[in-house]
Amino acid sequence: MLKSALGYNGAFTAPHRAAALAGRDILEAGGTAVEAMVAAAATIAVVYPHMNGIGGDGFWLIKKKGEAPIGISGCGRAAALADVAFYRKAGHVDAIPARGGLAALTVPGTIDGWRLALEHGGGLLPLSDLLASAIGYARDGIAVTGNQSDCTRDKLSTLADVPGFAEQFLVDGAPPRAGHRMKQAALADTLSHLAEHGLESFYKGDIAAAHARYLEANGSPLRLSDFHSFAASEVAPLSLTTSLGMLFNMTPPTQGVSSLMILGLFDRLGVTEAEGFDHLHGLIEATKQAFIKRNAELGDPDAMAEPAQSWLDAAGLDAMASRIDRQRALPWPYEPKEGDTIWMGAVDAEGTVVSFIQSVFWEFGSGLTCPETGVFFQNRGAGFSLKPGPNELAPFKRPFHTLNPAMAELSDGRIFAYGTMGGEGQPQTQAAIFTRYAQFGQDLQQAITAPRWLLGKTWGDATTTLKLESRFPANLIEDLGQAGHEVEIIPEFSDLAGHAGAVVLHADGLMESASDPRSDGAAISY
């Protein structure tokens, strides 16, 4: 029987063991959940570079004991020079390139997100302690995971010729084998500089100047002034009241509202048993309803027709739920969204719970890697549209984000933080984990390990079928197919289903954590 890790002193989960241990070590040293998360975020940027990096964006939900959660948006804005005319002049009319300098058009926001988060939950340990693990791994080397090796091989054709990529992430022009010792000396120097001069030095001073020079030389519209003007922001998370408690997620331009809509719609269906046709079909059809609205209207909140919180009004969800056919699948596909990321969760001895997500969008982001700093830049801006709509490119605009860290305050007092990588699959995996654990009472680890599904496209895949891990019962797979779902069977523990994790703080102080066997992670409660 699968069981989550239990303890009363602290809990941490991450999709790479080194990051989980870095977070655990900070908690054991007396640090806060926020400080532990910064340590883990820096570490995982070094040890899991195909999934995230300090050249990307990050989002936080932080809930202190007895207080409402707050959100931190480390979402980089488009460059001042980035507009449709800039890309048309460069010969791109239909879409922004996904790799190289033209793909790197938004300021990396995650580090200033760390800074702002520490203002709300730091001050116990020096920044040098928080970054020590990451600096050590970058300087001394990491053992390349099989996941990174396979991913590099799969995506090599799009990355090999991007400036700086081969020098940092290939070995004699080829993907590193699993277990290869990969050192990142320039990145170690960058992290050491941040530890000495503060996180704000990423946006001002020598690091920012080096990045601005390199980006401009490689065709990016980003300039030094874009780094100087960037600041992460505190936001009030989106919220939804359900029969199980209050649910929270991140504001636009993330798709957090989609994750809440799916659970709000499913709550209205009255499903009473897990893992059967009603459970899967209900969540899949709720996903379709949420994604239809998301694809049409979600983008930078300043450009949306109505605020995302209004999408969660009871009357609107009632009407949307009434359009769900309980027996037949709505014909699909739809416009898919890609994405790569990591999610991590933490609980500290003071009862603070953190849900955190960090990303460079596609695997290795734009691929553009600055040899002077070791930083590779996200390609999140490639998600902008060059056509009119809420996600149309414009200077200083924020792009659509698949990232969305989730949290729930359940009716019995449990605080449940959960999330996953997987781009398009993030809301779907969140829904699977939440319903299994919070609604149907499965063990936290069981809820994550159980077979999952994915409607549409995500990390490394191009089809828009309903993908089911092969561990689902044959009769359930048959029932879904007969209901009109275009079913595709994927491996029993597939990366396409995401790398999820969760932590739970019980009302009596018990802490649970769980990690995904599909990842290289670990869950620690002590």
Protein backbone atom coordinates (compact mmCIF):
# COMPACT_ATOMS: atom_id res chain seq x y z
CA MET A 1 0.00 0.00 0.00
CA LEU A 2 1.41 3.36 -1.02
CA LYS A 3 1.82 5.82 1.84
CA SER A 4 2.85 9.45 2.08
CA ALA A 5 5.74 10.58 4.31
CA LEU A 6 4.64 11.83 7.75
CA GLY A 7 6.20 14.12 10.37
CA TYR A 8 5.63 17.04 12.73
CA ASN A 9 8.71 19.23 12.20
CA GLY A 10 8.75 20.00 8.50
CA ALA A 11 7.88 18.68 5.06
CA PHE A 12 9.26 19.20 1.58
CA THR A 13 8.67 17.68 -1.85
CA ALA A 14 10.48 18.31 -5.14
CA PRO A 15 10.88 16.49 -8.48
CA HIS A 16 14.62 16.11 -7.88
CA ARG A 17 16.10 14.61 -4.70
CA ALA A 18 18.86 17.21 -4.42
CA ALA A 19 16.29 20.01 -4.33
CA ALA A 20 14.19 18.20 -1.73
CA LEU A 21 17.28 17.70 0.43
CA ALA A 22 18.30 21.35 0.03
CA GLY A 23 14.86 22.42 1.25
CA ARG A 24 14.94 19.91 4.11
CA ASP A 25 18.37 21.12 5.23
CA ILE A 26 17.18 24.73 5.47
CA LEU A 27 14.13 23.67 7.47
CA GLU A 28 16.31 21.66 9.85
CA ALA A 29 18.63 24.66 10.24
CA GLY A 30 15.68 26.67 11.52
CA GLY A 31 14.76 28.39 8.28
CA THR A 32 11.24 29.14 7.11
CA ALA A 33 9.29 27.35 4.39
CA VAL A 34 9.96 30.33 2.11
CA GLU A 35 13.70 30.18 2.77
CA ALA A 36 13.68 26.43 2.18
CA MET A 37 11.88 26.99 -1.11
CA VAL A 38 14.42 29.56 -2.30
CA ALA A 39 17.21 27.08 -1.54
CA ALA A 40 15.39 24.34 -3.42
CA ALA A 41 14.49 26.65 -6.31
CA ALA A 42 18.13 27.60 -6.79
CA THR A 43 19.26 23.99 -6.48
CA ILE A 44 16.75 22.55 -8.91
CA ALA A 45 17.67 25.23 -11.45
CA VAL A 46 21.15 23.69 -11.41
CA VAL A 47 20.36 19.98 -11.17
CA TYR A 48 17.26 19.82 -13.43
CA PRO A 49 18.07 22.38 -16.14
CA HIS A 50 15.89 20.88 -18.86
CA MET A 51 12.85 21.65 -16.70
CA ASN A 52 13.64 25.09 -15.26
CA GLY A 53 16.32 27.67 -14.59
CA ILE A 54 17.03 31.09 -13.13
CA GLY A 55 16.46 32.57 -16.58
CA GLY A 56 12.75 31.77 -16.27
CA ASP A 57 9.65 32.81 -14.33
CA GLY A 58 8.20 31.70 -10.99
CA PHE A 59 4.97 31.91 -8.99
CA TRP A 60 4.25 31.44 -5.28
CA LEU A 61 1.32 30.84 -2.98
CA ILE A 62 2.30 31.41 0.65
CA LYS A 63 -0.05 30.74 3.55
CA LYS A 64 0.99 31.58 7.08
CA LYS A 65 -0.87 30.09 10.00
CA GLY A 66 -4.13 31.92 10.64
CA GLU A 67 -3.71 34.21 7.62
CA ALA A 68 -5.13 34.26 4.11
CA PRO A 69 -2.70 33.12 1.41
CA ILE A 70 -0.81 35.62 -0.69
CA GLY A 71 0.49 35.21 -4.21
CA ILE A 72 3.85 36.28 -5.60
CA SER A 73 4.05 36.74 -9.36
CA GLY A 74 7.56 36.57 -10.75
CA CYS A 75 6.23 36.90 -14.28
CA GLY A 76 8.56 38.62 -16.72
CA ARG A 77 7.14 41.23 -19.07
CA ALA A 78 7.90 41.60 -22.76
CA ALA A 79 10.71 43.93 -23.78
CA ALA A 80 9.94 47.55 -24.59
CA LEU A 81 10.96 46.85 -28.19
CA ALA A 82 8.85 43.69 -28.48
CA ASP A 83 5.87 44.25 -30.72
CA VAL A 84 4.35 42.72 -33.83
CA ALA A 85 6.29 45.10 -36.07
CA PHE A 86 9.62 43.98 -34.53
CA TYR A 87 8.94 40.36 -35.50
CA ARG A 88 7.53 41.18 -38.92
CA LYS A 89 10.69 43.14 -39.64
CA ALA A 90 12.66 40.04 -38.65
CA GLY A 91 10.62 37.99 -41.14
CA HIS A 92 8.09 36.39 -38.76
CA VAL A 93 4.44 37.06 -39.58
CA ASP A 94 2.55 34.07 -38.19
CA ALA A 95 4.42 33.09 -35.01
CA ILE A 96 7.33 34.02 -32.77
CA PRO A 97 10.28 31.60 -33.07
CA ALA A 98 10.46 29.07 -30.26
CA ARG A 99 14.25 28.92 -29.97
CA GLY A 100 17.15 31.35 -30.09
CA GLY A 101 17.41 35.06 -29.40
CA LEU A 102 14.08 36.04 -30.95
CA ALA A 103 12.36 33.61 -28.55
CA ALA A 104 13.96 35.29 -25.53
CA LEU A 105 11.80 38.40 -25.32
CA THR A 106 10.55 38.49 -21.70
CA VAL A 107 12.56 39.42 -18.62
CA PRO A 108 13.37 36.41 -16.39
CA GLY A 109 11.19 36.99 -13.35
CA THR A 110 11.81 34.14 -10.94
CA ILE A 111 14.73 35.62 -9.01
CA ASP A 112 12.88 38.81 -8.15
CA GLY A 113 10.01 36.53 -7.11
CA TRP A 114 12.43 34.89 -4.65
CA ARG A 115 13.36 38.32 -3.34
CA LEU A 116 9.77 39.39 -2.80
CA ALA A 117 8.82 36.06 -1.23
CA LEU A 118 11.68 36.41 1.25
CA GLU A 119 10.26 39.77 2.31
CA HIS A 120 7.16 37.85 3.41
CA GLY A 121 8.89 34.86 4.94
CA GLY A 122 12.63 35.27 5.27
CA GLY A 123 15.17 36.92 7.51
CA LEU A 124 16.19 33.94 9.64
CA LEU A 125 19.10 32.70 7.52
CA PRO A 126 21.56 34.60 5.28
CA LEU A 127 21.13 34.40 1.52
CA SER A 128 24.54 32.74 1.28
CA ASP A 129 23.16 29.77 3.22
CA LEU A 130 20.13 29.56 0.94
CA LEU A 131 22.23 29.48 -2.23
CA ALA A 132 25.07 27.31 -0.90
CA SER A 133 23.63 24.02 -2.17
CA ALA A 134 23.04 25.37 -5.68
CA ILE A 135 26.51 26.92 -5.82
CA GLY A 136 28.09 23.65 -4.74
CA TYR A 137 26.29 21.60 -7.39
CA ALA A 138 27.09 24.11 -10.12
CA ARG A 139 30.77 24.31 -9.13
CA ASP A 140 31.42 20.62 -8.34
CA GLY A 141 29.06 19.09 -10.88
CA ILE A 142 25.79 17.19 -11.04
CA ALA A 143 25.06 13.66 -12.12
CA VAL A 144 22.94 14.14 -15.23
CA THR A 145 19.62 12.36 -14.82
CA GLY A 146 18.25 9.94 -17.36
CA ASN A 147 15.37 12.35 -17.76
CA GLN A 148 17.72 15.17 -18.79
CA SER A 149 19.75 12.92 -21.06
CA ASP A 150 16.65 11.63 -22.87
CA CYS A 151 15.13 15.09 -23.13
CA THR A 152 18.32 16.57 -24.59
CA ARG A 153 18.44 13.81 -27.17
CA ASP A 154 14.77 14.25 -28.11
CA LYS A 155 15.09 18.02 -28.57
CA LEU A 156 18.64 18.20 -29.93
CA SER A 157 17.60 19.11 -33.46
CA THR A 158 16.00 22.36 -32.24
CA LEU A 159 18.71 23.26 -29.72
CA ALA A 160 22.12 22.19 -31.03
CA ASP A 161 22.71 25.34 -33.09
CA VAL A 162 21.36 27.86 -30.54
CA PRO A 163 24.26 30.05 -29.32
CA GLY A 164 25.76 28.86 -26.04
CA PHE A 165 23.68 25.70 -25.71
CA ALA A 166 26.17 23.12 -26.96
CA GLU A 167 29.01 24.52 -24.87
CA GLN A 168 27.02 24.11 -21.65
CA PHE A 169 24.67 21.17 -22.19
CA LEU A 170 26.33 18.87 -24.75
CA VAL A 171 29.45 16.70 -24.51
CA ASP A 172 31.50 16.74 -27.71
CA GLY A 173 28.38 17.79 -29.57
CA ALA A 174 26.22 14.98 -28.19
CA PRO A 175 23.72 14.72 -25.31
CA PRO A 176 25.35 13.78 -21.99
CA ARG A 177 24.76 10.24 -20.82
CA ALA A 178 22.91 9.60 -17.59
CA GLY A 179 25.41 9.91 -14.77
CA HIS A 180 27.74 12.25 -16.64
CA ARG A 181 29.31 14.82 -14.32
CA MET A 182 28.18 18.18 -15.67
CA LYS A 183 29.78 21.29 -14.20
CA GLN A 184 28.39 24.81 -14.62
CA ALA A 185 31.23 27.07 -13.47
CA ALA A 186 29.81 30.29 -14.91
CA LEU A 187 26.45 29.65 -13.26
CA ALA A 188 28.24 28.97 -9.97
CA ASP A 189 29.91 32.39 -10.25
CA THR A 190 26.54 34.01 -10.98
CA LEU A 191 24.90 32.42 -7.95
CA SER A 192 27.88 33.38 -5.79
CA HIS A 193 27.53 36.96 -6.98
CA LEU A 194 23.85 36.92 -6.03
CA ALA A 195 24.68 35.50 -2.60
CA GLU A 196 27.17 38.32 -1.99
CA HIS A 197 25.38 41.26 -3.60
CA GLY A 198 21.72 40.34 -3.21
CA LEU A 199 19.06 38.98 -5.54
CA GLU A 200 18.35 42.44 -6.93
CA SER A 201 21.82 42.36 -8.52
CA PHE A 202 20.41 40.02 -11.17
CA TYR A 203 18.53 43.02 -12.58
CA LYS A 204 21.11 45.74 -12.01
CA GLY A 205 24.87 45.80 -12.28
CA ASP A 206 27.28 43.42 -13.99
CA ILE A 207 24.97 40.42 -14.44
CA ALA A 208 22.19 42.46 -16.03
CA ALA A 209 24.68 44.27 -18.27
CA ALA A 210 26.20 40.98 -19.46
CA HIS A 211 22.77 39.57 -20.22
CA ALA A 212 21.64 42.67 -22.06
CA ARG A 213 24.76 42.63 -24.27
CA TYR A 214 24.41 38.94 -25.07
CA LEU A 215 20.68 39.08 -25.76
CA GLU A 216 20.97 42.06 -28.10
CA ALA A 217 23.89 40.46 -29.94
CA ASN A 218 21.72 37.40 -30.60
CA GLY A 219 18.64 39.20 -31.88
CA SER A 220 16.55 39.50 -28.73
CA PRO A 221 14.56 42.71 -28.19
CA LEU A 222 15.50 42.74 -24.48
CA ARG A 223 17.70 45.62 -23.33
CA LEU A 224 19.29 46.65 -20.05
CA SER A 225 16.44 49.06 -19.31
CA ASP A 226 13.99 46.13 -19.35
CA PHE A 227 15.97 44.44 -16.56
CA HIS A 228 16.23 47.68 -14.59
CA SER A 229 12.47 48.29 -14.68
CA PHE A 230 11.32 44.79 -13.74
CA ALA A 231 9.80 43.96 -10.36
CA ALA A 232 7.84 40.95 -9.12
CA SER A 233 4.44 41.71 -7.63
CA GLU A 234 2.25 40.57 -4.76
CA VAL A 235 -1.24 39.52 -5.84
CA ALA A 236 -4.40 38.25 -4.18
CA PRO A 237 -4.83 34.64 -5.36
CA LEU A 238 -7.97 33.56 -7.17
CA SER A 239 -10.33 31.69 -4.85
CA LEU A 240 -13.26 29.31 -5.19
CA THR A 241 -15.54 27.93 -2.49
CA THR A 242 -16.54 24.29 -3.03
CA SER A 243 -18.23 21.62 -0.95
CA LEU A 244 -14.77 20.54 0.25
CA GLY A 245 -13.41 23.93 1.28
CA MET A 246 -11.74 27.01 -0.18
CA LEU A 247 -9.45 26.53 -3.19
CA PHE A 248 -6.75 28.96 -4.31
CA ASN A 249 -4.67 29.42 -7.43
CA MET A 250 -2.61 32.03 -9.26
CA THR A 251 -4.03 34.98 -11.16
CA PRO A 252 -3.66 35.56 -14.93
CA PRO A 253 -1.70 35.48 -17.07
CA THR A 254 -1.39 31.97 -15.60
CA GLN A 255 -4.06 29.36 -16.28
CA GLY A 256 -4.81 29.03 -12.56
CA VAL A 257 -8.42 30.01 -13.21
CA SER A 258 -8.75 26.95 -15.48
CA SER A 259 -7.64 24.65 -12.67
CA LEU A 260 -10.22 26.16 -10.32
CA MET A 261 -12.97 26.03 -12.95
CA ILE A 262 -12.40 22.31 -13.54
CA LEU A 263 -12.77 21.53 -9.84
CA GLY A 264 -15.76 23.87 -9.50
CA LEU A 265 -17.50 22.17 -12.42
CA PHE A 266 -16.72 18.67 -11.17
CA ASP A 267 -18.01 19.60 -7.71
CA ARG A 268 -21.40 20.22 -9.35
CA LEU A 269 -21.57 16.76 -10.95
CA GLY A 270 -22.10 14.88 -7.68
CA VAL A 271 -19.71 12.02 -8.47
CA THR A 272 -19.44 9.68 -5.48
CA GLU A 273 -16.82 7.09 -6.47
CA ALA A 274 -13.21 7.40 -7.59
CA GLU A 275 -11.50 5.87 -10.61
CA GLY A 276 -14.60 4.87 -12.54
CA PHE A 277 -16.13 6.28 -15.72
CA ASP A 278 -18.00 9.06 -13.90
CA HIS A 279 -14.79 10.29 -12.25
CA LEU A 280 -12.59 10.39 -15.35
CA HIS A 281 -15.26 11.39 -17.86
CA GLY A 282 -16.55 14.10 -15.54
CA LEU A 283 -13.11 15.68 -15.06
CA ILE A 284 -12.24 15.39 -18.75
CA GLU A 285 -15.46 17.07 -19.84
CA ALA A 286 -15.03 19.76 -17.17
CA THR A 287 -11.54 20.33 -18.57
CA LYS A 288 -12.95 20.87 -22.06
CA GLN A 289 -15.43 23.48 -20.83
CA ALA A 290 -12.73 25.34 -18.89
CA PHE A 291 -10.21 25.24 -21.74
CA ILE A 292 -12.69 26.55 -24.31
CA LYS A 293 -13.10 29.73 -22.28
CA ARG A 294 -9.40 29.87 -21.38
CA ASN A 295 -8.27 29.64 -25.00
CA ALA A 296 -10.64 32.39 -26.09
CA GLU A 297 -10.19 34.92 -23.31
CA LEU A 298 -7.16 34.34 -21.03
CA GLY A 299 -4.04 36.49 -21.29
CA ASP A 300 -2.45 39.48 -19.61
CA PRO A 301 -5.06 40.59 -17.05
CA ASP A 302 -4.76 44.16 -18.30
CA ALA A 303 -6.03 43.00 -21.71
CA MET A 304 -8.81 40.63 -20.62
CA ALA A 305 -12.46 41.51 -21.17
CA GLU A 306 -13.41 40.57 -17.59
CA PRO A 307 -11.42 39.69 -14.45
CA ALA A 308 -10.66 36.01 -14.00
CA GLN A 309 -12.27 35.92 -10.54
CA SER A 310 -15.63 36.57 -12.23
CA TRP A 311 -15.17 33.36 -14.23
CA LEU A 312 -15.64 31.55 -10.92
CA ASP A 313 -19.04 33.07 -10.11
CA ALA A 314 -21.57 30.39 -9.17
CA ALA A 315 -24.07 31.26 -11.91
CA GLY A 316 -21.46 31.01 -14.63
CA LEU A 317 -20.15 27.67 -13.37
CA ASP A 318 -23.72 26.36 -13.06
CA ALA A 319 -24.40 27.22 -16.69
CA MET A 320 -21.13 25.70 -17.83
CA ALA A 321 -21.74 22.50 -15.84
CA SER A 322 -25.15 22.13 -17.48
CA ARG A 323 -23.39 21.80 -20.84
CA ILE A 324 -21.50 18.69 -19.74
CA ASP A 325 -22.94 15.47 -21.17
CA ARG A 326 -22.52 12.81 -18.49
CA GLN A 327 -22.39 9.99 -21.06
CA ARG A 328 -20.87 11.40 -24.24
CA ALA A 329 -17.58 13.16 -24.98
CA LEU A 330 -17.61 16.64 -26.46
CA PRO A 331 -15.84 16.51 -29.85
CA TRP A 332 -12.29 17.75 -29.63
CA PRO A 333 -9.44 18.95 -30.29
CA TYR A 334 -8.70 22.55 -29.42
CA GLU A 335 -5.71 24.90 -29.49
CA PRO A 336 -3.11 23.27 -27.22
CA LYS A 337 -0.60 25.06 -24.98
CA GLU A 338 2.90 23.73 -24.33
CA GLY A 339 5.03 24.07 -21.26
CA ASP A 340 7.82 22.74 -19.08
CA THR A 341 8.26 23.41 -15.39
CA ILE A 342 8.81 22.14 -11.87
CA TRP A 343 6.50 22.35 -8.84
CA MET A 344 7.64 22.11 -5.21
CA GLY A 345 5.89 22.34 -1.86
CA ALA A 346 7.00 23.04 1.72
CA VAL A 347 5.67 23.23 5.29
CA ASP A 348 7.64 24.62 8.21
CA ALA A 349 7.39 24.25 11.98
CA GLU A 350 5.47 27.54 12.28
CA GLY A 351 2.71 26.24 10.03
CA THR A 352 3.58 28.19 6.89
CA VAL A 353 2.70 26.30 3.69
CA VAL A 354 4.24 27.14 0.32
CA SER A 355 3.20 26.12 -3.19
CA PHE A 356 5.82 27.15 -5.76
CA ILE A 357 6.32 26.69 -9.49
CA GLN A 358 9.23 27.70 -11.72
CA SER A 359 9.65 27.39 -15.47
CA VAL A 360 11.52 28.29 -18.65
CA PHE A 361 8.47 27.28 -20.79
CA TRP A 362 9.80 24.65 -23.26
CA GLU A 363 12.60 22.27 -22.30
CA PHE A 364 15.75 24.43 -21.90
CA GLY A 365 13.63 27.46 -22.81
CA SER A 366 14.96 29.41 -25.77
CA GLY A 367 18.20 27.44 -25.51
CA LEU A 368 20.12 30.73 -25.67
CA THR A 369 22.81 30.39 -22.98
CA CYS A 370 25.05 33.25 -21.90
CA PRO A 371 28.62 31.88 -21.58
CA GLU A 372 29.60 34.70 -19.24
CA THR A 373 26.92 33.88 -16.64
CA GLY A 374 25.78 30.32 -17.44
CA VAL A 375 22.15 31.48 -17.58
CA PHE A 376 19.85 30.23 -20.33
CA PHE A 377 16.78 32.31 -21.09
CA GLN A 378 13.15 31.27 -21.14
CA ASN A 379 11.09 31.26 -24.32
CA ARG A 380 7.83 32.08 -22.54
CA GLY A 381 7.39 35.01 -24.90
CA ALA A 382 7.06 32.57 -27.80
CA GLY A 383 3.59 31.95 -26.41
CA PHE A 384 2.49 35.43 -27.43
CA SER A 385 0.33 35.74 -30.51
CA LEU A 386 1.14 37.98 -33.46
CA LYS A 387 -2.58 38.29 -34.14
CA PRO A 388 -5.22 40.38 -32.31
CA GLY A 389 -6.56 38.99 -29.03
CA PRO A 390 -5.90 38.92 -25.27
CA ASN A 391 -2.49 37.31 -25.81
CA GLU A 392 -1.31 39.54 -28.67
CA LEU A 393 2.30 40.68 -28.28
CA ALA A 394 2.86 44.23 -27.06
CA PRO A 395 5.63 45.99 -25.12
CA PHE A 396 5.70 45.19 -21.38
CA LYS A 397 2.85 42.70 -21.76
CA ARG A 398 2.78 39.44 -19.79
CA PRO A 399 2.42 36.21 -21.82
CA PHE A 400 -0.02 33.39 -21.20
CA HIS A 401 1.42 31.03 -18.57
CA THR A 402 0.63 27.36 -18.10
CA LEU A 403 2.17 27.68 -14.62
CA ASN A 404 -0.24 27.56 -11.70
CA PRO A 405 0.64 26.62 -8.11
CA ALA A 406 -2.40 25.29 -6.24
CA MET A 407 -3.51 25.35 -2.60
CA ALA A 408 -6.66 24.45 -0.69
CA GLU A 409 -7.93 25.11 2.80
CA LEU A 410 -10.17 22.11 3.37
CA SER A 411 -13.23 22.20 5.60
CA ASP A 412 -11.57 20.03 8.27
CA GLY A 413 -8.63 22.45 8.62
CA ARG A 414 -6.08 20.73 6.40
CA ILE A 415 -3.93 22.99 4.21
CA PHE A 416 -3.19 21.18 0.96
CA ALA A 417 -0.55 22.47 -1.47
CA TYR A 418 -0.11 20.63 -4.75
CA GLY A 419 1.05 21.03 -8.33
CA THR A 420 2.88 19.55 -11.29
CA MET A 421 4.85 20.21 -14.43
CA GLY A 422 3.26 19.38 -17.74
CA GLY A 423 2.01 22.52 -19.45
CA GLU A 424 -1.45 21.70 -20.77
CA GLY A 425 -1.67 18.79 -18.34
CA GLN A 426 -1.18 20.87 -15.18
CA PRO A 427 -4.88 21.61 -14.49
CA GLN A 428 -5.79 18.02 -15.35
CA THR A 429 -3.22 16.44 -13.05
CA GLN A 430 -4.15 18.88 -10.29
CA ALA A 431 -7.78 17.81 -10.67
CA ALA A 432 -6.87 14.13 -10.49
CA ILE A 433 -4.77 14.57 -7.35
CA PHE A 434 -7.22 16.90 -5.60
CA THR A 435 -10.27 14.73 -6.18
CA ARG A 436 -8.49 11.52 -5.27
CA TYR A 437 -7.09 12.91 -2.02
CA ALA A 438 -9.57 15.55 -0.84
CA GLN A 439 -12.82 14.21 -2.24
CA PHE A 440 -12.38 10.44 -2.30
CA GLY A 441 -10.02 9.98 0.66
CA GLN A 442 -7.07 8.27 -1.00
CA ASP A 443 -3.64 8.43 0.63
CA LEU A 444 -1.66 11.39 -0.66
CA GLN A 445 1.06 9.24 -2.22
CA GLN A 446 -1.52 6.92 -3.75
CA ALA A 447 -3.32 9.90 -5.29
CA ILE A 448 -0.11 10.95 -7.06
CA THR A 449 1.11 7.49 -8.06
CA ALA A 450 -2.26 6.30 -9.44
CA PRO A 451 -2.60 6.19 -13.24
CA ARG A 452 -3.31 9.53 -14.89
CA TRP A 453 -4.72 10.88 -18.10
CA LEU A 454 -4.04 13.82 -20.35
CA LEU A 455 -6.42 15.45 -22.79
CA GLY A 456 -4.43 17.07 -25.56
CA LYS A 457 -0.87 18.19 -25.91
CA THR A 458 1.86 18.65 -23.35
CA TRP A 459 5.59 18.25 -22.80
CA GLY A 460 7.24 16.63 -25.82
CA ASP A 461 4.04 15.54 -27.56
CA ALA A 462 1.97 16.83 -30.47
CA THR A 463 -1.29 14.84 -30.49
CA THR A 464 -4.58 16.04 -28.99
CA THR A 465 -5.99 12.66 -28.06
CA LEU A 466 -7.11 11.51 -24.62
CA LYS A 467 -3.95 9.83 -23.38
CA LEU A 468 -4.35 7.16 -20.69
CA GLU A 469 -1.52 5.50 -18.81
CA SER A 470 -1.65 1.77 -19.49
CA ARG A 471 -2.38 0.90 -15.85
CA PHE A 472 -6.05 1.88 -16.19
CA PRO A 473 -8.42 -1.13 -16.27
CA ALA A 474 -9.25 -2.37 -19.75
CA ASN A 475 -13.01 -2.04 -19.19
CA LEU A 476 -12.65 1.62 -18.20
CA ILE A 477 -10.55 2.34 -21.27
CA GLU A 478 -13.21 0.66 -23.41
CA ASP A 479 -16.03 2.62 -21.78
CA LEU A 480 -14.25 5.91 -22.43
CA GLY A 481 -13.70 4.98 -26.06
CA GLN A 482 -17.34 4.03 -26.53
CA ALA A 483 -18.38 7.39 -25.05
CA GLY A 484 -16.58 9.14 -27.91
CA HIS A 485 -13.15 9.87 -26.42
CA GLU A 486 -10.30 9.40 -28.88
CA VAL A 487 -8.16 7.21 -26.63
CA GLU A 488 -4.39 6.75 -26.91
CA ILE A 489 -2.48 4.48 -24.51
CA ILE A 490 0.83 5.79 -23.15
CA PRO A 491 3.42 4.04 -20.91
CA GLU A 492 2.40 3.06 -17.39
CA PHE A 493 4.45 5.84 -15.73
CA SER A 494 4.71 8.44 -18.48
CA ASP A 495 6.42 11.85 -18.38
CA LEU A 496 3.46 13.09 -20.42
CA ALA A 497 1.34 12.75 -17.28
CA GLY A 498 3.51 15.27 -15.45
CA HIS A 499 5.80 15.27 -12.40
CA ALA A 500 3.50 16.06 -9.50
CA GLY A 501 3.90 16.56 -5.77
CA ALA A 502 1.96 17.62 -2.70
CA VAL A 503 2.30 18.60 0.95
CA VAL A 504 -0.44 18.73 3.58
CA LEU A 505 -0.54 20.40 6.99
CA HIS A 506 -3.19 18.88 9.27
CA ALA A 507 -5.00 20.86 11.95
CA ASP A 508 -3.12 18.94 14.67
CA GLY A 509 0.27 19.78 13.15
CA LEU A 510 0.87 16.52 11.28
CA MET A 511 2.67 17.08 7.98
CA GLU A 512 2.37 14.86 4.91
CA SER A 513 4.42 14.91 1.72
CA ALA A 514 4.40 12.88 -1.47
CA SER A 515 6.43 12.84 -4.69
CA ASP A 516 5.88 11.47 -8.18
CA PRO A 517 7.49 8.17 -9.24
CA ARG A 518 7.49 9.60 -12.77
CA SER A 519 10.16 12.13 -11.67
CA ASP A 520 13.58 11.97 -10.01
CA GLY A 521 12.16 13.49 -6.85
CA ALA A 522 11.70 12.85 -3.18
CA ALA A 523 9.19 13.67 -0.46
CA ILE A 524 10.50 14.30 3.04
CA SER A 525 8.57 14.72 6.30
CA TYR A 526 10.36 14.51 9.62
